[in-house]
Amino acid sequence: GDLMVTLLCCCLLSSAWALVDPDDVLTKEEQIYLLVEAKEKCQRDIKAQPEKIKGLSCPPEWDGIICWPRGSPGQEVSVPCPDYIYDFNHKGKYCSAFGTWAVALSINKTWANYTECALLFSSESRSHQKEVFDRLHLMYTVGYSISLASLIVAVCILSYFKRLHCTRNYIHVHLFTSFICRALSIFIKDMVLYSGPTPSDTDRMREDELRAPLPGQRGHLASISLCPQVGCKVVVTLFLYFLATNHYWILVEGLYLHSLIFMAFLSNKSYLWVLIIIGWGLPAVFVSIWASVRASLADTQCWDLSAGNMKWIYQVPILAAVVVNFFLFLNIVRVLASKLWETTTGKLDPRQQYRKLLRSTLVLMPLFGVHYVVFTAMPYTEVSGLLWQIQMHYEMLFNSSQGFFVAFIYCFCNGEVQAEIKKAHFRRLLALDLGQQARPGSCCCAGRGSRGPQSPSRAGRGAGGTR
């Protein structure tokens, strides 16, 4: 048992990046900016090297994609695939015996074997990727929109009826609000980050833009801004904060339900402030730390691209919340199964017991965010891969629709909520009926007037019935 727990923890920890940041897929504009930064770094490194080297050698150069080091004659130079280009591979670059790089005669330029980069440069592949990304964008836009509408209705219902005001529903309202903030932050982030250069502006950039500029010139790309710097940084920071608060309010729900089964002290209303601090306060702490570190050490672009190990400042706490919640879920399912077997032994068919346990488990899964751990042991692969597409469609579908399922199960299907709505509907119908009867000249009054005066006893019974 301990070995299985250890293996499960290792699988969860090995894929933290894919788990908590599924939206980290580079756009074309972001990729270009990474290339520009790599080019500038390469030029600085080349200038820092001594100009005169004894013997023949191929000089270091930036070829528009990779910064190639100095090469020895008669050898093929290979460097690691750059981490600033998504889904990239290459064969190498050949240094001739004369100390010059191999040249592509058709274009009279130095040549590197990028034949394995068809995924990046093929127009057919790019159109296929665009189709995939457009489908994913449509999927999560529809999903978050449906979730947003249902969550707003659920919050209004739980806030309107005073009989529903209790610790459990207060926590539900906070959870629903975190889902609402997450959805809104995603929509705002998309509008702000991707409302920069139009496709025609980006397509106008030639390969020469990524090559070393002439002395005294500055590349065209360096002058382009994807979005207003301060505004987009605030948007990205808020997006990360609401993403974290959503995970932590899912954790709070798990802790509360777990305490009801095992300890019951969190059901006291006085502990609600502790849960609020966990749900809204803790994410504010580590996201603020990340923003301060990012502003001090890597204040580039809109903070939407990864900056080394800084991402772990907010990813580790989010991953911890997901892992803890998953084990709470397993423990609660274990208790439900044991109690189900104890209370129904000999009364129900085993298949009915399994179905009852399955229904209870399915109800708990959206609340505990169990879907987050399905692909945790599988890191992202190339965009064209079938596994990547299955993973992304799965995550976008469940991440965007989780808010709807939570609102549906814990508000719309709640017996207390349905009873209050029925009472309110009945009271409204009764009020309309009374108003119609009391309105002068109404059909009811006219009908009674045509029958003549009633006896006092009958009138009294009618009034009593109205009450």
Protein backbone atom coordinates (compact mmCIF):
# COMPACT_ATOMS: atom_id res chain seq x y z
CA GLY A 1 0.00 0.00 0.00
CA ASP A 2 2.79 2.44 0.89
CA LEU A 3 4.54 1.63 -2.40
CA MET A 4 1.40 2.41 -4.40
CA VAL A 5 0.97 5.72 -2.58
CA THR A 6 4.61 6.62 -3.26
CA LEU A 7 4.30 5.77 -6.96
CA LEU A 8 1.11 7.79 -7.24
CA CYS A 9 2.76 10.80 -5.60
CA CYS A 10 5.72 10.53 -8.00
CA CYS A 11 3.38 10.42 -10.99
CA LEU A 12 1.51 13.48 -9.74
CA LEU A 13 4.68 15.46 -9.06
CA SER A 14 6.30 14.51 -12.37
CA SER A 15 3.72 16.38 -14.42
CA ALA A 16 3.01 19.51 -12.41
CA TRP A 17 3.55 21.78 -15.38
CA ALA A 18 0.98 20.04 -17.57
CA LEU A 19 -1.45 19.79 -14.68
CA VAL A 20 -1.69 23.38 -13.52
CA ASP A 21 -0.93 25.28 -16.71
CA PRO A 22 -2.74 23.59 -19.60
CA ASP A 23 -3.02 26.86 -21.49
CA ASP A 24 0.75 27.19 -21.96
CA VAL A 25 0.85 26.66 -25.72
CA LEU A 26 2.86 29.16 -27.71
CA THR A 27 1.16 31.34 -30.28
CA LYS A 28 3.00 32.45 -33.40
CA GLU A 29 3.56 35.94 -32.02
CA GLU A 30 4.97 34.59 -28.75
CA GLN A 31 7.27 32.25 -30.65
CA ILE A 32 8.64 35.17 -32.65
CA TYR A 33 9.41 37.13 -29.51
CA LEU A 34 11.29 34.19 -28.06
CA LEU A 35 13.34 33.98 -31.25
CA VAL A 36 14.13 37.70 -31.05
CA GLU A 37 15.34 37.34 -27.47
CA ALA A 38 17.45 34.31 -28.43
CA LYS A 39 18.95 36.26 -31.35
CA GLU A 40 19.94 39.20 -29.14
CA LYS A 41 21.51 36.88 -26.57
CA CYS A 42 23.43 35.10 -29.33
CA GLN A 43 24.78 38.39 -30.67
CA ARG A 44 25.94 39.41 -27.19
CA ASP A 45 27.70 36.07 -26.73
CA ILE A 46 29.40 36.35 -30.13
CA LYS A 47 30.67 39.87 -29.36
CA ALA A 48 32.05 38.65 -26.04
CA GLN A 49 34.22 36.00 -27.76
CA PRO A 50 37.77 36.79 -28.96
CA GLU A 51 37.81 37.74 -32.63
CA LYS A 52 41.07 36.05 -33.63
CA ILE A 53 41.42 32.30 -33.14
CA LYS A 54 44.50 30.33 -34.19
CA GLY A 55 43.88 27.90 -37.04
CA LEU A 56 40.90 27.40 -39.30
CA SER A 57 37.46 27.32 -37.77
CA CYS A 58 33.91 28.15 -38.67
CA PRO A 59 32.87 31.38 -36.93
CA PRO A 60 29.94 31.40 -34.53
CA GLU A 61 26.74 32.74 -36.03
CA TRP A 62 23.01 33.17 -35.61
CA ASP A 63 21.15 31.60 -38.54
CA GLY A 64 17.71 32.84 -37.61
CA ILE A 65 16.82 29.86 -35.44
CA ILE A 66 19.85 28.62 -33.47
CA CYS A 67 23.00 30.23 -32.14
CA TRP A 68 25.76 28.04 -33.58
CA PRO A 69 29.10 27.91 -31.74
CA ARG A 70 32.51 27.96 -33.38
CA GLY A 71 33.03 24.78 -35.41
CA SER A 72 36.10 22.64 -36.07
CA PRO A 73 36.97 21.90 -39.73
CA GLY A 74 35.67 18.63 -41.14
CA GLN A 75 33.18 18.05 -38.37
CA GLU A 76 29.45 18.31 -38.00
CA VAL A 77 28.43 20.56 -35.15
CA SER A 78 25.38 19.59 -33.13
CA VAL A 79 23.81 21.60 -30.35
CA PRO A 80 20.85 20.77 -28.10
CA CYS A 81 17.45 21.53 -29.52
CA PRO A 82 16.46 25.03 -28.37
CA ASP A 83 13.92 25.21 -25.57
CA TYR A 84 12.59 28.51 -26.94
CA ILE A 85 11.05 26.79 -29.99
CA TYR A 86 8.05 24.60 -29.34
CA ASP A 87 8.22 21.03 -30.68
CA PHE A 88 11.55 21.35 -32.51
CA ASN A 89 14.29 19.03 -33.75
CA HIS A 90 17.24 19.24 -36.15
CA LYS A 91 20.11 17.18 -37.60
CA GLY A 92 23.06 19.56 -37.28
CA LYS A 93 25.31 21.97 -39.20
CA TYR A 94 28.43 20.88 -41.13
CA CYS A 95 31.76 22.71 -40.87
CA SER A 96 33.89 22.07 -43.98
CA ALA A 97 37.62 21.34 -44.01
CA PHE A 98 38.22 24.91 -45.20
CA GLY A 99 36.73 26.42 -42.06
CA THR A 100 33.43 27.51 -43.60
CA TRP A 101 29.91 26.43 -42.90
CA ALA A 102 28.10 24.36 -45.52
CA VAL A 103 26.25 26.60 -47.99
CA ALA A 104 22.92 26.05 -49.72
CA LEU A 105 23.85 27.01 -53.29
CA SER A 106 20.29 27.76 -54.36
CA ILE A 107 20.01 30.63 -51.87
CA ASN A 108 23.75 31.25 -51.25
CA LYS A 109 23.38 31.05 -47.46
CA THR A 110 24.86 28.85 -44.78
CA TRP A 111 22.83 25.71 -44.38
CA ALA A 112 21.74 23.64 -41.40
CA ASN A 113 19.86 20.39 -41.71
CA TYR A 114 16.40 21.34 -40.50
CA THR A 115 14.60 18.61 -42.44
CA GLU A 116 13.08 17.31 -39.21
CA CYS A 117 11.46 20.66 -38.58
CA ALA A 118 8.64 20.14 -41.05
CA LEU A 119 6.19 20.33 -38.17
CA LEU A 120 7.22 23.92 -37.52
CA PHE A 121 7.59 25.20 -41.09
CA SER A 122 5.14 23.14 -43.16
CA SER A 123 2.15 25.22 -44.23
CA GLU A 124 0.02 22.08 -44.20
CA SER A 125 1.02 21.35 -40.61
CA ARG A 126 0.43 24.94 -39.60
CA SER A 127 -3.07 24.89 -41.08
CA HIS A 128 -3.78 21.62 -39.27
CA GLN A 129 -2.52 23.09 -35.99
CA LYS A 130 -4.66 26.18 -36.52
CA GLU A 131 -7.69 23.97 -37.02
CA VAL A 132 -6.92 22.11 -33.78
CA PHE A 133 -6.38 25.32 -31.80
CA ASP A 134 -9.53 26.91 -33.21
CA ARG A 135 -11.52 23.85 -32.19
CA LEU A 136 -10.02 23.92 -28.69
CA HIS A 137 -10.72 27.65 -28.39
CA LEU A 138 -14.34 27.15 -29.42
CA MET A 139 -14.69 24.24 -27.00
CA TYR A 140 -13.46 26.06 -23.91
CA THR A 141 -15.22 29.30 -24.87
CA VAL A 142 -18.58 27.52 -25.05
CA GLY A 143 -17.81 25.51 -21.92
CA TYR A 144 -16.80 28.49 -19.81
CA SER A 145 -19.76 30.51 -21.10
CA ILE A 146 -22.25 27.81 -20.05
CA SER A 147 -20.49 27.41 -16.71
CA LEU A 148 -20.47 31.17 -16.16
CA ALA A 149 -24.20 31.53 -16.78
CA SER A 150 -25.15 28.56 -14.58
CA LEU A 151 -22.82 29.66 -11.76
CA ILE A 152 -24.24 33.19 -11.70
CA VAL A 153 -27.76 31.76 -11.42
CA ALA A 154 -26.63 29.39 -8.65
CA VAL A 155 -25.00 32.21 -6.65
CA CYS A 156 -28.15 34.33 -6.96
CA ILE A 157 -30.34 31.45 -5.75
CA LEU A 158 -28.19 30.61 -2.72
CA SER A 159 -27.85 34.29 -1.81
CA TYR A 160 -31.54 35.19 -2.25
CA PHE A 161 -33.20 32.56 -0.05
CA LYS A 162 -32.41 33.16 3.62
CA ARG A 163 -33.38 29.61 4.56
CA LEU A 164 -30.40 28.43 2.48
CA HIS A 165 -27.91 30.56 4.43
CA CYS A 166 -25.65 28.10 6.27
CA THR A 167 -21.94 27.26 6.44
CA ARG A 168 -22.19 24.59 3.75
CA ASN A 169 -23.91 26.91 1.27
CA TYR A 170 -21.60 29.81 2.15
CA ILE A 171 -18.71 27.61 1.07
CA HIS A 172 -20.61 26.66 -2.10
CA VAL A 173 -21.10 30.36 -2.91
CA HIS A 174 -17.38 31.04 -2.51
CA LEU A 175 -16.57 28.04 -4.72
CA PHE A 176 -19.03 29.20 -7.38
CA THR A 177 -17.55 32.71 -7.21
CA SER A 178 -14.04 31.32 -7.74
CA PHE A 179 -15.26 29.49 -10.86
CA ILE A 180 -16.88 32.72 -12.09
CA CYS A 181 -13.67 34.71 -11.55
CA ARG A 182 -11.62 32.03 -13.30
CA ALA A 183 -13.88 32.06 -16.36
CA LEU A 184 -13.94 35.86 -16.56
CA SER A 185 -10.16 36.09 -16.15
CA ILE A 186 -9.66 33.64 -19.02
CA PHE A 187 -11.92 35.64 -21.32
CA ILE A 188 -10.22 38.91 -20.37
CA LYS A 189 -6.75 37.38 -20.76
CA ASP A 190 -7.57 36.16 -24.25
CA MET A 191 -8.88 39.60 -25.27
CA VAL A 192 -5.89 41.49 -23.85
CA LEU A 193 -3.02 39.20 -24.83
CA TYR A 194 -4.18 38.35 -28.33
CA SER A 195 -5.50 41.73 -29.47
CA GLY A 196 -2.07 42.88 -30.66
CA PRO A 197 -0.64 42.57 -34.17
CA THR A 198 -3.02 41.33 -36.80
CA PRO A 199 -2.13 38.15 -38.72
CA SER A 200 -1.19 40.22 -41.75
CA ASP A 201 1.29 42.22 -39.67
CA THR A 202 2.92 39.07 -38.39
CA ASP A 203 2.95 37.28 -41.74
CA ARG A 204 4.76 40.30 -43.21
CA MET A 205 7.84 39.47 -41.13
CA ARG A 206 10.49 37.82 -43.27
CA GLU A 207 13.25 35.41 -42.33
CA ASP A 208 15.76 38.27 -42.52
CA GLU A 209 14.05 39.90 -39.54
CA LEU A 210 15.44 37.11 -37.37
CA ARG A 211 18.94 37.34 -38.80
CA ALA A 212 21.58 39.67 -37.45
CA PRO A 213 20.70 43.28 -38.40
CA LEU A 214 23.15 45.58 -40.07
CA PRO A 215 25.31 47.76 -37.80
CA GLY A 216 23.27 50.61 -36.37
CA GLN A 217 19.96 49.00 -37.30
CA ARG A 218 17.34 47.62 -34.97
CA GLY A 219 15.14 44.70 -35.93
CA HIS A 220 11.52 45.41 -36.80
CA LEU A 221 10.31 42.84 -34.30
CA ALA A 222 11.87 44.62 -31.36
CA SER A 223 9.58 47.59 -31.87
CA ILE A 224 6.35 45.59 -31.85
CA SER A 225 4.35 45.27 -28.65
CA LEU A 226 1.82 42.51 -28.19
CA CYS A 227 -0.22 44.50 -25.69
CA PRO A 228 0.12 47.36 -23.23
CA GLN A 229 2.83 46.13 -20.86
CA VAL A 230 1.38 47.14 -17.49
CA GLY A 231 -2.19 46.15 -18.33
CA CYS A 232 -1.32 42.71 -19.66
CA LYS A 233 0.93 41.96 -16.67
CA VAL A 234 -1.93 42.78 -14.31
CA VAL A 235 -4.28 40.59 -16.35
CA VAL A 236 -1.87 37.62 -16.30
CA THR A 237 -1.30 38.03 -12.56
CA LEU A 238 -5.05 38.11 -11.88
CA PHE A 239 -5.54 35.07 -14.11
CA LEU A 240 -2.98 33.09 -12.11
CA TYR A 241 -4.53 34.30 -8.85
CA PHE A 242 -8.05 33.23 -9.80
CA LEU A 243 -6.74 29.93 -11.16
CA ALA A 244 -5.10 29.33 -7.78
CA THR A 245 -8.16 30.43 -5.78
CA ASN A 246 -10.32 28.05 -7.78
CA HIS A 247 -8.07 25.12 -6.89
CA TYR A 248 -7.95 26.18 -3.25
CA TRP A 249 -11.72 26.54 -2.93
CA ILE A 250 -12.05 23.05 -4.38
CA LEU A 251 -9.63 22.03 -1.61
CA VAL A 252 -11.75 23.88 0.98
CA GLU A 253 -14.85 21.98 -0.18
CA GLY A 254 -12.93 18.74 0.16
CA LEU A 255 -11.69 19.64 3.64
CA TYR A 256 -15.18 20.62 4.76
CA LEU A 257 -16.80 17.43 3.49
CA HIS A 258 -13.98 15.36 4.97
CA SER A 259 -14.42 17.09 8.34
CA LEU A 260 -18.16 16.39 8.35
CA ILE A 261 -17.42 12.68 8.02
CA PHE A 262 -14.46 12.38 10.38
CA MET A 263 -14.24 15.43 12.71
CA ALA A 264 -17.29 17.69 12.28
CA PHE A 265 -15.60 20.73 13.85
CA LEU A 266 -15.47 22.70 10.57
CA SER A 267 -19.26 22.68 10.42
CA ASN A 268 -19.17 25.38 13.09
CA LYS A 269 -19.81 28.77 11.50
CA SER A 270 -16.94 30.31 13.48
CA TYR A 271 -14.46 28.35 11.36
CA LEU A 272 -15.78 29.87 8.13
CA TRP A 273 -13.22 32.69 8.30
CA VAL A 274 -10.41 30.13 8.45
CA LEU A 275 -11.71 28.53 5.27
CA ILE A 276 -12.05 31.95 3.60
CA ILE A 277 -8.42 32.73 4.43
CA ILE A 278 -7.36 29.40 2.92
CA GLY A 279 -9.44 29.91 -0.23
CA TRP A 280 -8.72 33.57 -0.98
CA GLY A 281 -5.73 34.44 1.21
CA LEU A 282 -3.13 31.73 0.58
CA PRO A 283 -3.23 32.12 -3.24
CA ALA A 284 -2.77 35.87 -2.81
CA VAL A 285 0.43 35.22 -0.85
CA PHE A 286 2.26 32.98 -3.32
CA VAL A 287 0.97 34.76 -6.44
CA SER A 288 2.17 38.07 -4.97
CA ILE A 289 5.57 36.51 -4.29
CA TRP A 290 5.72 35.26 -7.88
CA ALA A 291 4.74 38.69 -9.25
CA SER A 292 7.42 40.41 -7.14
CA VAL A 293 10.12 37.95 -8.22
CA ARG A 294 9.04 38.15 -11.86
CA ALA A 295 9.06 41.96 -11.80
CA SER A 296 12.52 42.00 -10.24
CA LEU A 297 14.31 39.25 -12.17
CA ALA A 298 12.41 38.66 -15.43
CA ASP A 299 10.29 41.70 -16.21
CA THR A 300 9.84 40.88 -19.91
CA GLN A 301 6.81 40.88 -22.18
CA CYS A 302 3.45 40.22 -20.52
CA TRP A 303 4.62 37.60 -17.99
CA ASP A 304 2.56 35.02 -19.86
CA LEU A 305 5.64 33.08 -21.01
CA SER A 306 7.63 30.83 -18.72
CA ALA A 307 10.68 32.42 -17.07
CA GLY A 308 12.74 29.49 -15.86
CA ASN A 309 12.03 28.02 -12.45
CA MET A 310 9.98 31.00 -11.26
CA LYS A 311 6.81 29.21 -12.30
CA TRP A 312 7.25 26.77 -9.42
CA ILE A 313 6.46 29.58 -6.97
CA TYR A 314 2.77 29.25 -7.85
CA GLN A 315 2.72 25.78 -9.40
CA VAL A 316 3.91 23.88 -6.33
CA PRO A 317 1.14 25.26 -4.03
CA ILE A 318 -1.51 24.56 -6.67
CA LEU A 319 -0.19 21.05 -7.21
CA ALA A 320 -0.18 20.48 -3.44
CA ALA A 321 -3.86 21.47 -3.27
CA VAL A 322 -4.74 19.09 -6.11
CA VAL A 323 -2.82 16.17 -4.58
CA VAL A 324 -4.30 16.70 -1.09
CA ASN A 325 -7.80 16.94 -2.53
CA PHE A 326 -7.32 13.75 -4.52
CA PHE A 327 -6.34 11.79 -1.41
CA LEU A 328 -9.29 13.28 0.49
CA PHE A 329 -11.51 12.03 -2.34
CA LEU A 330 -10.03 8.52 -2.14
CA ASN A 331 -10.50 8.42 1.63
CA ILE A 332 -14.12 9.58 1.41
CA VAL A 333 -14.90 7.00 -1.29
CA ARG A 334 -13.30 4.33 0.93
CA VAL A 335 -15.54 5.33 3.85
CA LEU A 336 -18.64 5.44 1.63
CA ALA A 337 -17.87 1.97 0.29
CA SER A 338 -17.34 0.49 3.77
CA LYS A 339 -20.54 2.05 5.15
CA LEU A 340 -22.51 0.96 2.10
CA TRP A 341 -21.37 -2.62 2.55
CA GLU A 342 -22.13 -2.55 6.29
CA THR A 343 -25.66 -1.16 5.97
CA THR A 344 -26.79 -3.08 2.88
CA THR A 345 -25.20 -6.48 3.42
CA GLY A 346 -27.82 -9.07 2.52
CA LYS A 347 -30.38 -6.43 1.56
CA LEU A 348 -29.20 -5.40 -1.91
CA ASP A 349 -27.77 -7.29 -4.83
CA PRO A 350 -23.97 -6.71 -5.17
CA ARG A 351 -24.55 -5.07 -8.54
CA GLN A 352 -26.96 -2.60 -6.94
CA GLN A 353 -24.35 -1.84 -4.28
CA TYR A 354 -21.73 -1.14 -6.95
CA ARG A 355 -24.13 1.10 -8.86
CA LYS A 356 -24.97 3.04 -5.70
CA LEU A 357 -21.27 3.50 -4.92
CA LEU A 358 -20.60 4.54 -8.52
CA ARG A 359 -23.32 7.20 -8.36
CA SER A 360 -21.91 8.58 -5.12
CA THR A 361 -18.40 8.63 -6.60
CA LEU A 362 -19.51 10.39 -9.78
CA VAL A 363 -21.25 13.07 -7.72
CA LEU A 364 -18.05 13.70 -5.74
CA MET A 365 -15.70 13.80 -8.75
CA PRO A 366 -16.55 17.32 -10.04
CA LEU A 367 -16.39 18.77 -6.53
CA PHE A 368 -12.93 17.30 -5.86
CA GLY A 369 -11.58 18.02 -9.36
CA VAL A 370 -10.59 14.39 -9.89
CA HIS A 371 -10.29 14.94 -13.64
CA TYR A 372 -7.09 16.94 -13.04
CA VAL A 373 -5.13 13.77 -12.26
CA VAL A 374 -6.18 11.62 -15.24
CA PHE A 375 -3.28 12.68 -17.49
CA THR A 376 -0.82 13.59 -14.74
CA ALA A 377 1.70 10.89 -15.62
CA MET A 378 1.78 11.93 -19.28
CA PRO A 379 3.77 15.06 -20.20
CA TYR A 380 2.89 17.09 -23.27
CA THR A 381 4.12 15.78 -26.61
CA GLU A 382 4.20 17.33 -30.07
CA VAL A 383 1.15 19.25 -31.19
CA SER A 384 0.54 16.89 -34.09
CA GLY A 385 0.50 13.84 -31.83
CA LEU A 386 -2.74 12.00 -31.21
CA LEU A 387 -2.05 11.74 -27.47
CA TRP A 388 -1.55 15.51 -27.20
CA GLN A 389 -4.85 16.18 -28.96
CA ILE A 390 -6.72 13.68 -26.77
CA GLN A 391 -5.18 15.23 -23.68
CA MET A 392 -5.94 18.82 -24.66
CA HIS A 393 -9.53 18.08 -25.73
CA TYR A 394 -10.10 16.21 -22.48
CA GLU A 395 -8.67 19.01 -20.33
CA MET A 396 -10.42 21.83 -22.17
CA LEU A 397 -13.74 19.99 -22.04
CA PHE A 398 -13.66 19.14 -18.33
CA ASN A 399 -11.89 22.30 -17.12
CA SER A 400 -14.38 24.56 -18.86
CA SER A 401 -17.49 22.56 -17.92
CA GLN A 402 -16.54 21.76 -14.31
CA GLY A 403 -18.27 24.91 -13.08
CA PHE A 404 -21.52 23.89 -14.76
CA PHE A 405 -21.45 20.39 -13.23
CA VAL A 406 -20.67 21.77 -9.77
CA ALA A 407 -23.54 24.28 -9.98
CA PHE A 408 -25.91 21.64 -11.37
CA ILE A 409 -25.15 19.00 -8.72
CA TYR A 410 -24.77 21.17 -5.63
CA CYS A 411 -27.42 23.80 -6.37
CA PHE A 412 -29.96 22.88 -9.03
CA CYS A 413 -30.25 19.23 -7.91
CA ASN A 414 -30.24 20.12 -4.20
CA GLY A 415 -33.53 19.15 -2.52
CA GLU A 416 -33.53 22.19 -0.22
CA VAL A 417 -32.97 24.54 -3.14
CA GLN A 418 -35.76 22.92 -5.16
CA ALA A 419 -38.12 23.15 -2.17
CA GLU A 420 -37.40 26.87 -1.69
CA ILE A 421 -37.91 27.58 -5.39
CA LYS A 422 -41.24 25.72 -5.33
CA LYS A 423 -42.34 27.68 -2.25
CA ALA A 424 -41.36 30.97 -3.87
CA HIS A 425 -43.18 30.01 -7.06
CA PHE A 426 -46.30 29.03 -5.09
CA ARG A 427 -46.23 32.29 -3.10
CA ARG A 428 -45.93 34.29 -6.30
CA LEU A 429 -48.86 32.46 -7.89
CA LEU A 430 -50.89 33.02 -4.73
CA ALA A 431 -50.01 36.72 -4.69
CA LEU A 432 -51.00 37.07 -8.34
CA ASP A 433 -54.28 35.29 -7.65
CA LEU A 434 -55.02 37.55 -4.68
CA GLY A 435 -54.13 40.62 -6.68
CA GLN A 436 -56.40 39.54 -9.49
CA GLN A 437 -59.30 38.92 -7.10
CA ALA A 438 -58.85 42.27 -5.35
CA ARG A 439 -58.49 44.31 -8.54
CA PRO A 440 -61.66 46.42 -9.18
CA GLY A 441 -63.49 45.44 -12.33
CA SER A 442 -61.73 42.09 -12.63
CA CYS A 443 -63.52 39.07 -14.04
CA CYS A 444 -63.77 37.42 -10.64
CA CYS A 445 -65.38 40.47 -9.04
CA ALA A 446 -67.75 40.87 -11.96
CA GLY A 447 -68.72 37.23 -11.74
CA ARG A 448 -69.50 37.47 -8.05
CA GLY A 449 -71.47 40.67 -8.63
CA SER A 450 -73.77 38.95 -11.12
CA ARG A 451 -74.68 36.27 -8.59
CA GLY A 452 -76.02 38.76 -6.04
CA PRO A 453 -75.05 39.22 -2.40
CA GLN A 454 -73.62 36.30 -0.43
CA SER A 455 -74.59 35.27 3.06
CA PRO A 456 -72.29 36.45 5.85
CA SER A 457 -71.34 32.89 6.77
CA ARG A 458 -70.39 32.02 3.21
CA ALA A 459 -68.44 35.24 2.83
CA GLY A 460 -66.56 34.43 6.02
CA ARG A 461 -65.67 30.95 4.74
CA GLY A 462 -64.46 32.47 1.51
CA ALA A 463 -62.23 34.92 3.33
CA GLY A 464 -60.86 32.17 5.52
CA GLY A 465 -60.14 30.04 2.50
CA THR A 466 -58.27 32.90 0.92
CA ARG A 467 -55.99 33.16 3.87
